[in-house]
N, C-alpha and C. Protein backbone atom coordinates (compact mmCIF):
# COMPACT_ATOMS: atom_id res chain seq x y z
N LEU A 1 -69.71 -5.56 0.15
CA LEU A 1 -68.54 -5.71 -0.69
C LEU A 1 -69.01 -5.86 -2.12
N LYS A 2 -68.25 -5.32 -3.04
CA LYS A 2 -68.61 -5.43 -4.46
C LYS A 2 -68.75 -6.90 -4.82
N ARG A 3 -67.66 -7.57 -4.97
CA ARG A 3 -67.60 -9.01 -5.13
C ARG A 3 -66.15 -9.42 -5.25
N ILE A 4 -65.90 -10.63 -4.91
CA ILE A 4 -64.55 -11.17 -5.03
C ILE A 4 -64.58 -12.20 -6.14
N ILE A 5 -63.70 -12.03 -7.09
CA ILE A 5 -63.64 -12.95 -8.22
C ILE A 5 -62.30 -13.66 -8.16
N GLY A 6 -62.33 -14.95 -8.19
CA GLY A 6 -61.09 -15.71 -8.17
C GLY A 6 -60.36 -15.57 -9.50
N SER A 7 -59.08 -15.43 -9.41
CA SER A 7 -58.26 -15.36 -10.62
C SER A 7 -56.85 -15.80 -10.26
N HIS A 8 -56.05 -15.97 -11.25
CA HIS A 8 -54.65 -16.30 -11.00
C HIS A 8 -53.80 -15.20 -11.59
N PHE A 9 -52.65 -15.01 -10.99
CA PHE A 9 -51.75 -13.94 -11.43
C PHE A 9 -51.12 -14.26 -12.78
N ALA A 10 -50.56 -15.43 -12.89
CA ALA A 10 -49.79 -15.75 -14.08
C ALA A 10 -49.48 -17.24 -14.09
N ASN A 11 -48.95 -17.70 -15.21
CA ASN A 11 -48.46 -19.08 -15.22
C ASN A 11 -47.10 -19.10 -14.50
N TYR A 12 -46.52 -20.27 -14.35
CA TYR A 12 -45.28 -20.38 -13.59
C TYR A 12 -44.15 -19.53 -14.19
N ARG A 13 -44.03 -19.54 -15.49
CA ARG A 13 -42.96 -18.76 -16.15
C ARG A 13 -43.15 -17.26 -15.91
N GLU A 14 -44.37 -16.78 -16.07
CA GLU A 14 -44.65 -15.35 -15.86
C GLU A 14 -44.43 -14.95 -14.41
N ALA A 15 -44.84 -15.81 -13.48
CA ALA A 15 -44.64 -15.53 -12.06
C ALA A 15 -43.14 -15.50 -11.73
N TRP A 16 -42.39 -16.45 -12.29
CA TRP A 16 -40.94 -16.48 -12.06
C TRP A 16 -40.31 -15.20 -12.57
N GLU A 17 -40.70 -14.76 -13.77
CA GLU A 17 -40.13 -13.55 -14.36
C GLU A 17 -40.51 -12.31 -13.54
N ALA A 18 -41.74 -12.23 -13.07
CA ALA A 18 -42.16 -11.10 -12.23
C ALA A 18 -41.34 -11.06 -10.94
N ASN A 19 -41.15 -12.21 -10.31
CA ASN A 19 -40.34 -12.26 -9.09
C ASN A 19 -38.89 -11.86 -9.36
N ARG A 20 -38.36 -12.26 -10.52
CA ARG A 20 -36.99 -11.90 -10.89
C ARG A 20 -36.87 -10.38 -11.05
N LEU A 21 -37.85 -9.76 -11.69
CA LEU A 21 -37.81 -8.30 -11.89
C LEU A 21 -37.95 -7.55 -10.56
N ILE A 22 -38.77 -8.08 -9.67
CA ILE A 22 -38.89 -7.47 -8.33
C ILE A 22 -37.57 -7.59 -7.60
N ALA A 23 -36.96 -8.79 -7.64
CA ALA A 23 -35.69 -9.01 -6.94
C ALA A 23 -34.58 -8.12 -7.48
N LYS A 24 -34.63 -7.78 -8.76
CA LYS A 24 -33.62 -6.89 -9.36
C LYS A 24 -33.95 -5.42 -9.13
N GLY A 25 -35.10 -5.13 -8.55
CA GLY A 25 -35.47 -3.74 -8.31
C GLY A 25 -35.99 -3.03 -9.55
N LYS A 26 -36.38 -3.79 -10.57
CA LYS A 26 -36.87 -3.20 -11.82
C LYS A 26 -38.34 -2.80 -11.72
N ILE A 27 -39.11 -3.56 -10.96
CA ILE A 27 -40.51 -3.20 -10.71
C ILE A 27 -40.74 -3.24 -9.21
N HIS A 28 -41.72 -2.49 -8.77
CA HIS A 28 -41.95 -2.33 -7.34
C HIS A 28 -43.41 -2.60 -7.01
N PRO A 29 -43.68 -3.58 -6.16
CA PRO A 29 -45.06 -3.77 -5.73
C PRO A 29 -45.50 -2.57 -4.90
N THR A 30 -46.64 -2.01 -5.21
CA THR A 30 -47.10 -0.81 -4.51
C THR A 30 -48.50 -1.00 -3.96
N LEU A 31 -48.72 -0.44 -2.81
CA LEU A 31 -50.05 -0.38 -2.20
C LEU A 31 -50.31 1.08 -1.86
N SER A 32 -51.56 1.50 -2.04
CA SER A 32 -51.86 2.87 -1.66
C SER A 32 -52.17 2.96 -0.17
N LYS A 33 -52.58 1.83 0.43
CA LYS A 33 -52.88 1.85 1.87
C LYS A 33 -52.86 0.43 2.41
N THR A 34 -52.40 0.28 3.64
CA THR A 34 -52.50 -1.00 4.33
C THR A 34 -53.32 -0.82 5.59
N TYR A 35 -53.98 -1.90 5.98
CA TYR A 35 -54.83 -1.91 7.17
C TYR A 35 -54.36 -3.01 8.10
N ARG A 36 -54.50 -2.79 9.40
CA ARG A 36 -54.25 -3.85 10.37
C ARG A 36 -55.39 -4.86 10.25
N LEU A 37 -55.17 -6.07 10.71
CA LEU A 37 -56.18 -7.12 10.61
C LEU A 37 -57.49 -6.68 11.25
N GLU A 38 -57.39 -5.95 12.37
CA GLU A 38 -58.60 -5.49 13.06
C GLU A 38 -59.38 -4.48 12.22
N GLU A 39 -58.75 -3.92 11.20
CA GLU A 39 -59.39 -2.91 10.35
C GLU A 39 -59.91 -3.50 9.03
N THR A 40 -60.01 -4.82 8.96
CA THR A 40 -60.46 -5.46 7.72
C THR A 40 -61.82 -4.95 7.29
N GLY A 41 -62.72 -4.76 8.24
CA GLY A 41 -64.04 -4.23 7.92
C GLY A 41 -63.95 -2.85 7.29
N GLN A 42 -63.08 -2.00 7.82
CA GLN A 42 -62.89 -0.66 7.26
C GLN A 42 -62.29 -0.75 5.86
N ALA A 43 -61.36 -1.68 5.67
CA ALA A 43 -60.76 -1.87 4.34
C ALA A 43 -61.84 -2.25 3.33
N ALA A 44 -62.70 -3.20 3.70
CA ALA A 44 -63.79 -3.61 2.80
C ALA A 44 -64.74 -2.45 2.53
N HIS A 45 -65.05 -1.67 3.55
CA HIS A 45 -65.92 -0.50 3.39
C HIS A 45 -65.29 0.50 2.43
N ASP A 46 -64.01 0.79 2.61
CA ASP A 46 -63.33 1.76 1.75
C ASP A 46 -63.32 1.30 0.29
N VAL A 47 -63.08 0.00 0.07
CA VAL A 47 -63.09 -0.53 -1.29
C VAL A 47 -64.51 -0.46 -1.86
N HIS A 48 -65.49 -0.85 -1.07
CA HIS A 48 -66.89 -0.83 -1.54
C HIS A 48 -67.34 0.57 -1.92
N ARG A 49 -66.91 1.56 -1.18
CA ARG A 49 -67.31 2.96 -1.41
C ARG A 49 -66.33 3.72 -2.31
N ASN A 50 -65.36 2.99 -2.87
CA ASN A 50 -64.34 3.61 -3.74
C ASN A 50 -63.60 4.74 -3.04
N LEU A 51 -63.30 4.56 -1.76
CA LEU A 51 -62.55 5.55 -1.00
C LEU A 51 -61.05 5.29 -1.05
N HIS A 52 -60.65 4.31 -1.82
CA HIS A 52 -59.24 3.95 -1.94
C HIS A 52 -58.73 4.35 -3.32
N GLN A 53 -57.44 4.42 -3.46
CA GLN A 53 -56.81 4.64 -4.76
C GLN A 53 -55.83 3.50 -4.96
N GLY A 54 -56.02 2.72 -5.96
CA GLY A 54 -55.09 1.62 -6.22
C GLY A 54 -55.34 0.43 -5.31
N LYS A 55 -54.28 -0.27 -5.00
CA LYS A 55 -54.36 -1.51 -4.23
C LYS A 55 -54.33 -1.23 -2.74
N VAL A 56 -55.07 -2.04 -2.00
CA VAL A 56 -55.02 -1.99 -0.54
C VAL A 56 -54.58 -3.36 -0.04
N GLY A 57 -53.98 -3.39 1.13
CA GLY A 57 -53.53 -4.64 1.72
C GLY A 57 -53.94 -4.72 3.17
N VAL A 58 -54.09 -5.94 3.67
CA VAL A 58 -54.41 -6.18 5.07
C VAL A 58 -53.26 -6.99 5.67
N LEU A 59 -52.71 -6.50 6.77
CA LEU A 59 -51.62 -7.20 7.46
C LEU A 59 -52.24 -8.35 8.25
N ALA A 60 -52.09 -9.57 7.75
CA ALA A 60 -52.74 -10.71 8.39
C ALA A 60 -51.86 -11.37 9.45
N LEU A 61 -50.59 -11.55 9.19
CA LEU A 61 -49.71 -12.25 10.12
C LEU A 61 -48.58 -11.37 10.62
N ALA A 62 -48.64 -10.09 10.32
CA ALA A 62 -47.56 -9.17 10.72
C ALA A 62 -48.14 -8.01 11.51
N PRO A 63 -47.51 -7.65 12.61
CA PRO A 63 -48.00 -6.52 13.40
C PRO A 63 -47.71 -5.17 12.76
N GLU A 64 -46.77 -5.13 11.80
CA GLU A 64 -46.42 -3.88 11.14
C GLU A 64 -45.85 -4.18 9.77
N GLU A 65 -45.78 -3.16 8.94
CA GLU A 65 -45.25 -3.31 7.59
C GLU A 65 -43.73 -3.50 7.60
N GLY A 66 -43.22 -4.08 6.52
CA GLY A 66 -41.78 -4.18 6.33
C GLY A 66 -41.10 -5.38 6.97
N LEU A 67 -41.85 -6.23 7.64
CA LEU A 67 -41.22 -7.35 8.35
C LEU A 67 -40.75 -8.45 7.41
N GLY A 68 -41.26 -8.48 6.19
CA GLY A 68 -40.83 -9.49 5.23
C GLY A 68 -39.67 -9.03 4.37
N VAL A 69 -39.16 -7.85 4.63
CA VAL A 69 -38.07 -7.29 3.82
C VAL A 69 -36.77 -8.01 4.16
N ARG A 70 -36.13 -8.58 3.15
CA ARG A 70 -34.87 -9.28 3.37
C ARG A 70 -33.68 -8.43 2.96
N ASP A 71 -33.86 -7.59 1.97
CA ASP A 71 -32.76 -6.76 1.47
C ASP A 71 -33.09 -5.30 1.77
N ARG A 72 -32.71 -4.85 2.95
CA ARG A 72 -33.05 -3.49 3.39
C ARG A 72 -32.36 -2.42 2.55
N GLU A 73 -31.17 -2.72 2.05
CA GLU A 73 -30.46 -1.76 1.20
C GLU A 73 -31.23 -1.50 -0.10
N MET A 74 -31.72 -2.58 -0.73
CA MET A 74 -32.49 -2.41 -1.96
C MET A 74 -33.80 -1.68 -1.67
N ARG A 75 -34.45 -2.03 -0.56
CA ARG A 75 -35.70 -1.35 -0.21
C ARG A 75 -35.45 0.14 -0.02
N ALA A 76 -34.39 0.50 0.68
CA ALA A 76 -34.08 1.91 0.91
C ALA A 76 -33.83 2.63 -0.42
N LYS A 77 -33.18 1.95 -1.34
CA LYS A 77 -32.88 2.54 -2.64
C LYS A 77 -34.15 2.85 -3.44
N HIS A 78 -35.18 2.03 -3.28
CA HIS A 78 -36.40 2.16 -4.08
C HIS A 78 -37.62 2.60 -3.28
N ILE A 79 -37.42 3.08 -2.05
CA ILE A 79 -38.55 3.39 -1.18
C ILE A 79 -39.48 4.46 -1.76
N ASP A 80 -38.93 5.43 -2.49
CA ASP A 80 -39.79 6.45 -3.09
C ASP A 80 -40.75 5.85 -4.12
N ALA A 81 -40.25 4.94 -4.94
CA ALA A 81 -41.10 4.28 -5.94
C ALA A 81 -42.11 3.36 -5.27
N ILE A 82 -41.69 2.67 -4.22
CA ILE A 82 -42.59 1.77 -3.50
C ILE A 82 -43.75 2.54 -2.89
N ASN A 83 -43.46 3.72 -2.37
CA ASN A 83 -44.48 4.52 -1.69
C ASN A 83 -45.12 5.59 -2.56
N ARG A 84 -44.88 5.55 -3.84
CA ARG A 84 -45.36 6.59 -4.76
C ARG A 84 -46.86 6.84 -4.64
N PHE A 85 -47.65 5.82 -4.43
CA PHE A 85 -49.11 5.96 -4.42
C PHE A 85 -49.71 5.91 -3.02
N ARG A 86 -48.87 6.02 -2.01
CA ARG A 86 -49.36 5.95 -0.63
C ARG A 86 -50.25 7.13 -0.30
N MET A 87 -51.33 6.82 0.39
CA MET A 87 -52.21 7.86 0.89
C MET A 87 -51.69 8.29 2.25
N PRO A 88 -51.81 9.56 2.59
CA PRO A 88 -51.35 10.00 3.92
C PRO A 88 -52.11 9.27 5.02
N ALA A 89 -51.42 9.00 6.12
CA ALA A 89 -52.07 8.35 7.27
C ALA A 89 -53.10 9.29 7.86
N ASN A 90 -54.17 8.71 8.36
CA ASN A 90 -55.24 9.52 8.97
C ASN A 90 -54.80 10.11 10.27
């Protein structure tokens, strides 16, 4: 692995504002690829070898994507933007 550096996203005000913009559908969190927990090693390998584009995620407590979605109508409205950087499944 390259290295993991601890950092923080923002102060409380900035985090609140980012969450507000996400809730309004103004900005969209995007991942280029997600991995199942069993694929964590592959995720680390892909990041180490620069085989990824953008952000990657590991599903730690969820068997599949989308389980944390509370507003399905808003997600459907913005799904193209959310998936804009998705890599095709292998």
